[in-house]
Amino acid sequence: MQVNDLLTDEDAVSPVIGVILMVAITVILAAVIASFVLGLGDTSEPAPQVNFDYDYTSEELTPDEGGNLTVTFAHGDEFETDNVVLRGEGLGVDDGTGLDGLDNEENGTVLNDEDGEFSAGDRFTLVDVEDDFELDIVFESEDGDTSDIIGDETGPEA
């Protein structure tokens, strides 16, 4: 190959393709920057994967009050009790009651948990539960940005 051939050779990438490549790079960079600025790249605490067993004792067996609902952690990921709230109707507790707030006689509930961690075998009992109750056990991330239903149950008359 001669030096003169290099100086006179006009084979190259066309200017249109060069512009298209520059625009594509700019769009990709803008998307990456926007995802960080808007917080789309943030990951929150994942909800635990758990299974609960539910045992409802009807009002007929406890005539002076509603029935009893015992929820037992069957198996799955351990979680902190202060990240979980109870939502629903006819539960005998206020909607949004935290799982860590169930250990008192005022709302008629018992929490079998010693260390603030809810794990296999731990359980709680809700007293004065109506036959048509609806229960959602909701896990809320520590920053409060996300929530997931990790358990749900309805009464026999729901």
Protein backbone atom coordinates (compact mmCIF):
# COMPACT_ATOMS: atom_id res chain seq x y z
CA MET A 1 0.00 0.00 0.00
CA GLN A 2 1.31 3.41 -0.96
CA VAL A 3 1.14 6.55 1.16
CA ASN A 4 -0.58 8.36 -1.69
CA ASP A 5 -3.33 5.72 -1.65
CA LEU A 6 -4.01 6.42 2.03
CA LEU A 7 -4.29 10.15 1.43
CA THR A 8 -6.68 9.82 -1.47
CA ASP A 9 -8.81 6.92 -0.15
CA GLU A 10 -12.33 8.19 0.70
CA ASP A 11 -13.79 4.96 2.19
CA ALA A 12 -15.12 5.78 5.67
CA VAL A 13 -18.26 5.70 7.85
CA SER A 14 -20.89 7.96 6.44
CA PRO A 15 -21.71 11.11 8.43
CA VAL A 16 -25.35 9.95 8.82
CA ILE A 17 -24.30 6.77 10.64
CA GLY A 18 -21.97 8.81 12.85
CA VAL A 19 -24.81 11.13 13.85
CA ILE A 20 -27.12 8.18 14.58
CA LEU A 21 -24.48 6.60 16.83
CA MET A 22 -23.93 9.88 18.73
CA VAL A 23 -27.69 10.32 19.26
CA ALA A 24 -27.99 6.72 20.53
CA ILE A 25 -25.16 7.24 23.01
CA THR A 26 -26.76 10.48 24.22
CA VAL A 27 -30.16 8.82 24.72
CA ILE A 28 -28.64 5.92 26.67
CA LEU A 29 -26.67 8.28 28.93
CA ALA A 30 -29.78 10.40 29.53
CA ALA A 31 -31.79 7.29 30.50
CA VAL A 32 -29.14 6.11 32.96
CA ILE A 33 -28.84 9.53 34.58
CA ALA A 34 -32.64 9.91 34.78
CA SER A 35 -33.03 6.53 36.49
CA PHE A 36 -30.62 7.57 39.24
CA VAL A 37 -32.13 11.03 39.64
CA LEU A 38 -35.71 9.73 39.79
CA GLY A 39 -34.78 6.89 42.14
CA LEU A 40 -35.74 4.13 39.75
CA GLY A 41 -32.50 2.34 40.50
CA ASP A 42 -33.17 2.16 44.23
CA THR A 43 -33.95 -1.23 45.67
CA SER A 44 -36.06 -1.53 48.78
CA GLU A 45 -36.16 -4.25 51.36
CA PRO A 46 -37.85 -7.32 49.84
CA ALA A 47 -40.88 -8.78 51.56
CA PRO A 48 -40.27 -12.10 53.30
CA GLN A 49 -41.63 -15.23 51.65
CA VAL A 50 -43.74 -16.90 54.35
CA ASN A 51 -46.66 -19.29 54.85
CA PHE A 52 -49.14 -18.96 57.69
CA ASP A 53 -51.64 -21.45 59.11
CA TYR A 54 -54.98 -20.01 60.24
CA ASP A 55 -57.25 -21.55 62.88
CA TYR A 56 -60.59 -19.85 63.48
CA THR A 57 -62.79 -20.80 66.43
CA SER A 58 -66.33 -19.65 65.71
CA GLU A 59 -68.46 -17.36 67.82
CA GLU A 60 -70.73 -20.32 68.69
CA LEU A 61 -67.96 -21.72 70.88
CA THR A 62 -67.32 -18.33 72.51
CA PRO A 63 -70.90 -16.95 72.83
CA ASP A 64 -70.06 -13.90 74.98
CA GLU A 65 -67.71 -12.51 72.33
CA GLY A 66 -66.58 -13.09 68.76
CA GLY A 67 -64.48 -16.00 67.67
CA ASN A 68 -60.74 -16.47 68.06
CA LEU A 69 -58.29 -16.46 65.15
CA THR A 70 -54.88 -17.99 65.72
CA VAL A 71 -52.27 -17.29 63.06
CA THR A 72 -49.18 -19.52 63.15
CA PHE A 73 -46.01 -18.93 61.16
CA ALA A 74 -45.69 -22.28 59.35
CA HIS A 75 -42.41 -21.68 57.48
CA GLY A 76 -40.46 -19.12 55.50
CA ASP A 77 -38.15 -16.14 56.00
CA GLU A 78 -37.86 -14.64 59.48
CA PHE A 79 -38.92 -11.01 59.80
CA GLU A 80 -39.04 -8.31 62.46
CA THR A 81 -42.45 -7.87 64.06
CA ASP A 82 -42.29 -4.07 63.88
CA ASN A 83 -42.37 -4.25 60.04
CA VAL A 84 -45.78 -5.95 59.93
CA VAL A 85 -49.28 -4.55 60.38
CA LEU A 86 -52.73 -6.14 60.31
CA ARG A 87 -55.31 -4.72 57.96
CA GLY A 88 -58.91 -5.74 57.46
CA GLU A 89 -62.32 -5.78 59.05
CA GLY A 90 -63.94 -7.64 61.94
CA LEU A 91 -60.61 -8.48 63.57
CA GLY A 92 -61.24 -7.19 67.08
CA VAL A 93 -58.27 -4.78 66.69
CA ASP A 94 -57.94 -1.46 64.90
CA ASP A 95 -57.10 -1.52 61.21
CA GLY A 96 -53.34 -1.01 60.88
CA THR A 97 -52.41 -2.46 64.27
CA GLY A 98 -48.75 -3.41 64.27
CA LEU A 99 -47.78 -7.01 64.93
CA ASP A 100 -45.35 -5.80 67.61
CA GLY A 101 -48.24 -4.08 69.44
CA LEU A 102 -50.32 -7.21 70.00
CA ASP A 103 -48.76 -8.27 73.28
CA ASN A 104 -51.18 -6.66 75.67
CA GLU A 105 -54.48 -7.59 77.29
CA GLU A 106 -56.27 -4.42 76.17
CA ASN A 107 -56.90 -5.66 72.64
CA GLY A 108 -57.23 -9.28 73.72
CA THR A 109 -54.31 -10.62 71.73
CA VAL A 110 -51.30 -12.73 72.56
CA LEU A 111 -48.01 -12.78 70.69
CA ASN A 112 -45.71 -15.75 71.23
CA ASP A 113 -42.42 -14.15 70.32
CA GLU A 114 -39.43 -13.50 72.52
CA ASP A 115 -36.84 -11.66 70.42
CA GLY A 116 -38.74 -9.32 68.08
CA GLU A 117 -38.17 -11.74 65.21
CA PHE A 118 -41.12 -13.70 63.90
CA SER A 119 -40.07 -17.18 62.83
CA ALA A 120 -41.45 -20.68 62.32
CA GLY A 121 -43.68 -21.76 65.19
CA ASP A 122 -44.42 -18.24 66.45
CA ARG A 123 -48.09 -17.32 66.55
CA PHE A 124 -50.58 -14.71 67.60
CA THR A 125 -54.23 -14.92 68.52
CA LEU A 126 -56.87 -12.31 67.79
CA VAL A 127 -59.84 -12.38 70.16
CA ASP A 128 -63.39 -11.18 69.43
CA VAL A 129 -63.10 -11.81 65.69
CA GLU A 130 -66.33 -11.72 63.67
CA ASP A 131 -67.44 -14.60 61.40
CA ASP A 132 -67.07 -12.43 58.28
CA PHE A 133 -63.58 -11.10 59.06
CA GLU A 134 -61.08 -10.14 56.41
CA LEU A 135 -57.39 -10.20 57.37
CA ASP A 136 -54.36 -9.01 55.41
CA ILE A 137 -50.93 -9.39 57.01
CA VAL A 138 -48.90 -6.56 55.46
CA PHE A 139 -45.11 -6.25 55.45
CA GLU A 140 -43.91 -2.63 55.24
CA SER A 141 -40.31 -1.79 54.33
CA GLU A 142 -38.29 0.08 56.96
CA ASP A 143 -38.23 3.26 54.87
CA GLY A 144 -42.02 3.02 54.46
CA ASP A 145 -41.88 3.27 50.67
CA THR A 146 -43.23 -0.18 49.86
CA SER A 147 -45.63 -2.68 51.35
CA ASP A 148 -46.61 -6.22 50.38
CA ILE A 149 -49.33 -8.57 51.59
CA ILE A 150 -47.55 -11.63 52.96
CA GLY A 151 -50.65 -13.42 54.24
CA ASP A 152 -54.43 -13.15 53.98
CA GLU A 153 -57.48 -14.97 55.25
CA THR A 154 -61.24 -14.49 55.32
CA GLY A 155 -63.83 -15.76 57.74
CA PRO A 156 -66.26 -18.56 56.98
CA GLU A 157 -69.11 -16.09 56.46
CA ALA A 158 -67.13 -13.59 54.32
